[in-house]
Amino acid sequence: MAASSILVNNALGVSYQIGVDSKGNDIFKGQSFKNISTTATDEDLVVLCDAVDEVIAYNISTIKKVQTYVVTRG
């Protein structure tokens, strides 16, 4: 039985360092942006991330692309 998958949702996750704790460990915070177009390329996500980076007080350290697929039986 063949199976196939269909991309149904894209999301962008970003992490950024907001400081250090009393032991010197980095403290990170993250945000997610949902409902990104399923046709968005990796380059589009970097452009979006750069725009987000302009409006937050911290530099983004990690970019994650989170995709949701529906798997169907063929």
PDB file of N, CA and C in Angstrom:
ATOM      1  N   MET A   1       0.845  -1.178   0.000  1.00  0.00           N
ATOM      2  CA  MET A   1       0.000   0.000   0.000  1.00  0.00           C
ATOM      3  C   MET A   1       0.890   1.240   0.000  1.00  0.00           C
ATOM      4  N   ALA A   2       0.664   2.106  -0.939  1.00  0.00           N
ATOM      5  CA  ALA A   2       1.440   3.342  -1.050  1.00  0.00           C
ATOM      6  C   ALA A   2       0.847   4.416  -0.146  1.00  0.00           C
ATOM      7  N   ALA A   3       1.710   5.254   0.354  1.00  0.00           N
ATOM      8  CA  ALA A   3       1.276   6.380   1.182  1.00  0.00           C
ATOM      9  C   ALA A   3       1.888   7.652   0.616  1.00  0.00           C
ATOM     10  N   SER A   4       1.228   8.757   0.860  1.00  0.00           N
ATOM     11  CA  SER A   4       1.766  10.047   0.427  1.00  0.00           C
ATOM     12  C   SER A   4       1.460  11.083   1.503  1.00  0.00           C
ATOM     13  N   SER A   5       2.153  12.192   1.430  1.00  0.00           N
ATOM     14  CA  SER A   5       1.928  13.247   2.417  1.00  0.00           C
ATOM     15  C   SER A   5       1.704  14.578   1.705  1.00  0.00           C
ATOM     16  N   ILE A   6       0.924  15.427   2.368  1.00  0.00           N
ATOM     17  CA  ILE A   6       0.593  16.747   1.842  1.00  0.00           C
ATOM     18  C   ILE A   6       0.930  17.773   2.920  1.00  0.00           C
ATOM     19  N   LEU A   7       1.723  18.778   2.547  1.00  0.00           N
ATOM     20  CA  LEU A   7       2.060  19.854   3.477  1.00  0.00           C
ATOM     21  C   LEU A   7       0.822  20.713   3.710  1.00  0.00           C
ATOM     22  N   VAL A   8       0.420  20.861   4.971  1.00  0.00           N
ATOM     23  CA  VAL A   8      -0.782  21.633   5.277  1.00  0.00           C
ATOM     24  C   VAL A   8      -0.512  22.886   6.108  1.00  0.00           C
ATOM     25  N   ASN A   9       0.681  22.987   6.718  1.00  0.00           N
ATOM     26  CA  ASN A   9       0.951  24.158   7.547  1.00  0.00           C
ATOM     27  C   ASN A   9       2.448  24.369   7.712  1.00  0.00           C
ATOM     28  N   ASN A  10       2.866  25.612   7.693  1.00  0.00           N
ATOM     29  CA  ASN A  10       4.229  26.025   8.001  1.00  0.00           C
ATOM     30  C   ASN A  10       4.184  26.931   9.219  1.00  0.00           C
ATOM     31  N   ALA A  11       5.203  26.861  10.048  1.00  0.00           N
ATOM     32  CA  ALA A  11       5.357  27.783  11.168  1.00  0.00           C
ATOM     33  C   ALA A  11       6.831  28.142  11.283  1.00  0.00           C
ATOM     34  N   LEU A  12       7.085  29.311  11.826  1.00  0.00           N
ATOM     35  CA  LEU A  12       8.441  29.782  12.039  1.00  0.00           C
ATOM     36  C   LEU A  12       8.649  29.902  13.531  1.00  0.00           C
ATOM     37  N   GLY A  13       9.718  29.315  14.021  1.00  0.00           N
ATOM     38  CA  GLY A  13      10.093  29.445  15.427  1.00  0.00           C
ATOM     39  C   GLY A  13      11.426  30.153  15.522  1.00  0.00           C
ATOM     40  N   VAL A  14      11.524  31.120  16.427  1.00  0.00           N
ATOM     41  CA  VAL A  14      12.788  31.819  16.634  1.00  0.00           C
ATOM     42  C   VAL A  14      13.148  31.771  18.109  1.00  0.00           C
ATOM     43  N   SER A  15      14.432  31.678  18.382  1.00  0.00           N
ATOM     44  CA  SER A  15      14.944  31.714  19.751  1.00  0.00           C
ATOM     45  C   SER A  15      15.966  32.827  19.843  1.00  0.00           C
ATOM     46  N   TYR A  16      16.017  33.456  21.019  1.00  0.00           N
ATOM     47  CA  TYR A  16      16.993  34.513  21.229  1.00  0.00           C
ATOM     48  C   TYR A  16      17.411  34.537  22.690  1.00  0.00           C
ATOM     49  N   GLN A  17      18.656  34.926  22.915  1.00  0.00           N
ATOM     50  CA  GLN A  17      19.194  34.966  24.261  1.00  0.00           C
ATOM     51  C   GLN A  17      18.771  36.266  24.926  1.00  0.00           C
ATOM     52  N   ILE A  18      18.175  36.155  26.123  1.00  0.00           N
ATOM     53  CA  ILE A  18      17.717  37.359  26.827  1.00  0.00           C
ATOM     54  C   ILE A  18      18.609  37.719  28.003  1.00  0.00           C
ATOM     55  N   GLY A  19      19.596  36.875  28.277  1.00  0.00           N
ATOM     56  CA  GLY A  19      20.504  37.177  29.381  1.00  0.00           C
ATOM     57  C   GLY A  19      21.170  35.917  29.899  1.00  0.00           C
ATOM     58  N   VAL A  20      21.708  36.016  31.109  1.00  0.00           N
ATOM     59  CA  VAL A  20      22.332  34.871  31.776  1.00  0.00           C
ATOM     60  C   VAL A  20      21.803  34.787  33.200  1.00  0.00           C
ATOM     61  N   ASP A  21      21.761  33.560  33.725  1.00  0.00           N
ATOM     62  CA  ASP A  21      21.302  33.386  35.097  1.00  0.00           C
ATOM     63  C   ASP A  21      22.463  33.572  36.076  1.00  0.00           C
ATOM     64  N   SER A  22      22.195  33.369  37.361  1.00  0.00           N
ATOM     65  CA  SER A  22      23.206  33.595  38.396  1.00  0.00           C
ATOM     66  C   SER A  22      24.392  32.641  38.289  1.00  0.00           C
ATOM     67  N   LYS A  23      24.211  31.521  37.589  1.00  0.00           N
ATOM     68  CA  LYS A  23      25.298  30.554  37.409  1.00  0.00           C
ATOM     69  C   LYS A  23      26.046  30.770  36.097  1.00  0.00           C
ATOM     70  N   GLY A  24      25.668  31.781  35.351  1.00  0.00           N
ATOM     71  CA  GLY A  24      26.336  32.078  34.089  1.00  0.00           C
ATOM     72  C   GLY A  24      25.782  31.335  32.886  1.00  0.00           C
ATOM     73  N   ASN A  25      24.675  30.615  33.072  1.00  0.00           N
ATOM     74  CA  ASN A  25      24.045  29.897  31.963  1.00  0.00           C
ATOM     75  C   ASN A  25      23.185  30.853  31.133  1.00  0.00           C
ATOM     76  N   ASP A  26      23.248  30.672  29.826  1.00  0.00           N
ATOM     77  CA  ASP A  26      22.441  31.500  28.942  1.00  0.00           C
ATOM     78  C   ASP A  26      20.961  31.249  29.166  1.00  0.00           C
ATOM     79  N   ILE A  27      20.170  32.309  29.107  1.00  0.00           N
ATOM     80  CA  ILE A  27      18.715  32.207  29.200  1.00  0.00           C
ATOM     81  C   ILE A  27      18.150  32.560  27.828  1.00  0.00           C
ATOM     82  N   PHE A  28      17.355  31.651  27.277  1.00  0.00           N
ATOM     83  CA  PHE A  28      16.772  31.853  25.958  1.00  0.00           C
ATOM     84  C   PHE A  28      15.260  31.993  26.055  1.00  0.00           C
ATOM     85  N   LYS A  29      14.709  32.735  25.149  1.00  0.00           N
ATOM     86  CA  LYS A  29      13.268  32.869  25.005  1.00  0.00           C
ATOM     87  C   LYS A  29      12.949  32.569  23.552  1.00  0.00           C
ATOM     88  N   GLY A  30      11.743  32.114  23.294  1.00  0.00           N
ATOM     89  CA  GLY A  30      11.362  31.795  21.928  1.00  0.00           C
ATOM     90  C   GLY A  30       9.965  32.263  21.594  1.00  0.00           C
ATOM     91  N   GLN A  31       9.720  32.393  20.320  1.00  0.00           N
ATOM     92  CA  GLN A  31       8.403  32.758  19.811  1.00  0.00           C
ATOM     93  C   GLN A  31       8.109  31.928  18.579  1.00  0.00           C
ATOM     94  N   SER A  32       6.824  31.695  18.350  1.00  0.00           N
ATOM     95  CA  SER A  32       6.380  30.975  17.157  1.00  0.00           C
ATOM     96  C   SER A  32       5.448  31.867  16.351  1.00  0.00           C
ATOM     97  N   PHE A  33       5.565  31.742  15.060  1.00  0.00           N
ATOM     98  CA  PHE A  33       4.680  32.457  14.146  1.00  0.00           C
ATOM     99  C   PHE A  33       4.021  31.409  13.269  1.00  0.00           C
ATOM    100  N   LYS A  34       2.717  31.269  13.430  1.00  0.00           N
ATOM    101  CA  LYS A  34       1.977  30.217  12.735  1.00  0.00           C
ATOM    102  C   LYS A  34       1.348  30.739  11.456  1.00  0.00           C
ATOM    103  N   ASN A  35       0.784  29.803  10.705  1.00  0.00           N
ATOM    104  CA  ASN A  35       0.053  30.113   9.474  1.00  0.00           C
ATOM    105  C   ASN A  35       0.916  30.774   8.414  1.00  0.00           C
ATOM    106  N   ILE A  36       2.168  30.364   8.339  1.00  0.00           N
ATOM    107  CA  ILE A  36       3.048  30.816   7.270  1.00  0.00           C
ATOM    108  C   ILE A  36       2.651  30.052   6.004  1.00  0.00           C
ATOM    109  N   SER A  37       2.643  30.720   4.889  1.00  0.00           N
ATOM    110  CA  SER A  37       2.237  30.087   3.630  1.00  0.00           C
ATOM    111  C   SER A  37       3.010  28.796   3.376  1.00  0.00           C
ATOM    112  N   THR A  38       2.306  27.797   2.878  1.00  0.00           N
ATOM    113  CA  THR A  38       2.955  26.522   2.562  1.00  0.00           C
ATOM    114  C   THR A  38       3.875  26.645   1.364  1.00  0.00           C
ATOM    115  N   THR A  39       3.783  27.740   0.632  1.00  0.00           N
ATOM    116  CA  THR A  39       4.672  27.952  -0.515  1.00  0.00           C
ATOM    117  C   THR A  39       5.913  28.763  -0.136  1.00  0.00           C
ATOM    118  N   ALA A  40       6.027  29.181   1.119  1.00  0.00           N
ATOM    119  CA  ALA A  40       7.177  29.970   1.560  1.00  0.00           C
ATOM    120  C   ALA A  40       8.453  29.140   1.468  1.00  0.00           C
ATOM    121  N   THR A  41       9.481  29.743   0.899  1.00  0.00           N
ATOM    122  CA  THR A  41      10.774  29.074   0.787  1.00  0.00           C
ATOM    123  C   THR A  41      11.602  29.336   2.046  1.00  0.00           C
ATOM    124  N   ASP A  42      12.718  28.627   2.165  1.00  0.00           N
ATOM    125  CA  ASP A  42      13.624  28.871   3.284  1.00  0.00           C
ATOM    126  C   ASP A  42      14.113  30.321   3.262  1.00  0.00           C
ATOM    127  N   GLU A  43      14.377  30.850   2.070  1.00  0.00           N
ATOM    128  CA  GLU A  43      14.811  32.227   1.941  1.00  0.00           C
ATOM    129  C   GLU A  43      13.727  33.196   2.423  1.00  0.00           C
ATOM    130  N   ASP A  44      12.458  32.888   2.125  1.00  0.00           N
ATOM    131  CA  ASP A  44      11.342  33.705   2.612  1.00  0.00           C
ATOM    132  C   ASP A  44      11.312  33.726   4.134  1.00  0.00           C
ATOM    133  N   LEU A  45      11.572  32.573   4.746  1.00  0.00           N
ATOM    134  CA  LEU A  45      11.564  32.499   6.206  1.00  0.00           C
ATOM    135  C   LEU A  45      12.707  33.298   6.812  1.00  0.00           C
ATOM    136  N   VAL A  46      13.853  33.315   6.152  1.00  0.00           N
ATOM    137  CA  VAL A  46      14.983  34.116   6.635  1.00  0.00           C
ATOM    138  C   VAL A  46      14.652  35.605   6.537  1.00  0.00           C
ATOM    139  N   VAL A  47      14.009  36.007   5.457  1.00  0.00           N
ATOM    140  CA  VAL A  47      13.593  37.409   5.305  1.00  0.00           C
ATOM    141  C   VAL A  47      12.607  37.782   6.412  1.00  0.00           C
ATOM    142  N   LEU A  48      11.657  36.914   6.693  1.00  0.00           N
ATOM    143  CA  LEU A  48      10.702  37.148   7.773  1.00  0.00           C
ATOM    144  C   LEU A  48      11.424  37.241   9.107  1.00  0.00           C
ATOM    145  N   CYS A  49      12.369  36.342   9.324  1.00  0.00           N
ATOM    146  CA  CYS A  49      13.141  36.340  10.564  1.00  0.00           C
ATOM    147  C   CYS A  49      13.921  37.642  10.708  1.00  0.00           C
ATOM    148  N   ASP A  50      14.504  38.123   9.621  1.00  0.00           N
ATOM    149  CA  ASP A  50      15.233  39.392   9.658  1.00  0.00           C
ATOM    150  C   ASP A  50      14.309  40.551  10.040  1.00  0.00           C
ATOM    151  N   ALA A  51      13.074  40.518   9.549  1.00  0.00           N
ATOM    152  CA  ALA A  51      12.103  41.557   9.891  1.00  0.00           C
ATOM    153  C   ALA A  51      11.740  41.496  11.371  1.00  0.00           C
ATOM    154  N   VAL A  52      11.566  40.286  11.891  1.00  0.00           N
ATOM    155  CA  VAL A  52      11.275  40.113  13.323  1.00  0.00           C
ATOM    156  C   VAL A  52      12.457  40.604  14.145  1.00  0.00           C
ATOM    157  N   ASP A  53      13.662  40.281  13.695  1.00  0.00           N
ATOM    158  CA  ASP A  53      14.882  40.673  14.408  1.00  0.00           C
ATOM    159  C   ASP A  53      14.984  42.189  14.557  1.00  0.00           C
ATOM    160  N   GLU A  54      14.421  42.929  13.601  1.00  0.00           N
ATOM    161  CA  GLU A  54      14.463  44.389  13.646  1.00  0.00           C
ATOM    162  C   GLU A  54      13.582  44.974  14.746  1.00  0.00           C
ATOM    163  N   VAL A  55      12.546  44.240  15.178  1.00  0.00           N
ATOM    164  CA  VAL A  55      11.591  44.809  16.130  1.00  0.00           C
ATOM    165  C   VAL A  55      11.698  44.236  17.537  1.00  0.00           C
ATOM    166  N   ILE A  56      12.574  43.271  17.753  1.00  0.00           N
ATOM    167  CA  ILE A  56      12.766  42.771  19.110  1.00  0.00           C
ATOM    168  C   ILE A  56      14.092  43.295  19.644  1.00  0.00           C
ATOM    169  N   ALA A  57      14.221  43.292  20.946  1.00  0.00           N
ATOM    170  CA  ALA A  57      15.399  43.887  21.579  1.00  0.00           C
ATOM    171  C   ALA A  57      16.618  42.970  21.583  1.00  0.00           C
ATOM    172  N   TYR A  58      16.462  41.719  21.161  1.00  0.00           N
ATOM    173  CA  TYR A  58      17.555  40.747  21.223  1.00  0.00           C
ATOM    174  C   TYR A  58      17.845  40.190  19.832  1.00  0.00           C
ATOM    175  N   ASN A  59      19.058  39.685  19.656  1.00  0.00           N
ATOM    176  CA  ASN A  59      19.421  39.070  18.382  1.00  0.00           C
ATOM    177  C   ASN A  59      18.938  37.628  18.328  1.00  0.00           C
ATOM    178  N   ILE A  60      18.329  37.256  17.226  1.00  0.00           N
ATOM    179  CA  ILE A  60      17.834  35.896  17.048  1.00  0.00           C
ATOM    180  C   ILE A  60      19.018  34.959  16.875  1.00  0.00           C
ATOM    181  N   SER A  61      18.995  33.854  17.640  1.00  0.00           N
ATOM    182  CA  SER A  61      20.100  32.903  17.579  1.00  0.00           C
ATOM    183  C   SER A  61      19.742  31.628  16.822  1.00  0.00           C
ATOM    184  N   THR A  62      18.460  31.282  16.781  1.00  0.00           N
ATOM    185  CA  THR A  62      18.030  30.045  16.123  1.00  0.00           C
ATOM    186  C   THR A  62      16.742  30.298  15.350  1.00  0.00           C
ATOM    187  N   ILE A  63      16.698  29.758  14.131  1.00  0.00           N
ATOM    188  CA  ILE A  63      15.489  29.800  13.309  1.00  0.00           C
ATOM    189  C   ILE A  63      15.050  28.361  13.081  1.00  0.00           C
ATOM    190  N   LYS A  64      13.765  28.070  13.339  1.00  0.00           N
ATOM    191  CA  LYS A  64      13.236  26.733  13.092  1.00  0.00           C
ATOM    192  C   LYS A  64      12.048  26.815  12.138  1.00  0.00           C
ATOM    193  N   LYS A  65      12.047  25.907  11.183  1.00  0.00           N
ATOM    194  CA  LYS A  65      10.888  25.767  10.300  1.00  0.00           C
ATOM    195  C   LYS A  65      10.141  24.534  10.772  1.00  0.00           C
ATOM    196  N   VAL A  66       8.881  24.712  11.133  1.00  0.00           N
ATOM    197  CA  VAL A  66       8.060  23.610  11.627  1.00  0.00           C
ATOM    198  C   VAL A  66       6.956  23.376  10.613  1.00  0.00           C
ATOM    199  N   GLN A  67       6.932  22.172  10.067  1.00  0.00           N
ATOM    200  CA  GLN A  67       5.944  21.847   9.037  1.00  0.00           C
ATOM    201  C   GLN A  67       5.039  20.727   9.516  1.00  0.00           C
ATOM    202  N   THR A  68       3.769  20.840   9.135  1.00  0.00           N
ATOM    203  CA  THR A  68       2.784  19.814   9.453  1.00  0.00           C
ATOM    204  C   THR A  68       2.285  19.199   8.149  1.00  0.00           C
ATOM    205  N   TYR A  69       2.318  17.877   8.106  1.00  0.00           N
ATOM    206  CA  TYR A  69       1.870  17.135   6.934  1.00  0.00           C
ATOM    207  C   TYR A  69       0.693  16.244   7.323  1.00  0.00           C
ATOM    208  N   VAL A  70      -0.173  15.999   6.370  1.00  0.00           N
ATOM    209  CA  VAL A  70      -1.211  14.990   6.491  1.00  0.00           C
ATOM    210  C   VAL A  70      -0.759  13.819   5.631  1.00  0.00           C
ATOM    211  N   VAL A  71      -0.729  12.646   6.231  1.00  0.00           N
ATOM    212  CA  VAL A  71      -0.317  11.440   5.511  1.00  0.00           C
ATOM    213  C   VAL A  71      -1.582  10.672   5.136  1.00  0.00           C
ATOM    214  N   THR A  72      -1.645  10.276   3.869  1.00  0.00           N
ATOM    215  CA  THR A  72      -2.812   9.539   3.392  1.00  0.00           C
ATOM    216  C   THR A  72      -2.378   8.185   2.816  1.00  0.00           C
ATOM    217  N   ARG A  73      -3.277   7.287   2.852  1.00  0.00           N
ATOM    218  CA  ARG A  73      -3.040   5.974   2.215  1.00  0.00           C
ATOM    219  C   ARG A  73      -3.420   6.090   0.760  1.00  0.00           C
ATOM    220  N   GLY A  74      -2.565   5.540  -0.071  1.00  0.00           N
ATOM    221  CA  GLY A  74      -2.784   5.668  -1.508  1.00  0.00           C
ATOM    222  C   GLY A  74      -3.560   4.541  -2.036  1.00  0.00           C
TER     223      GLY A  74
END
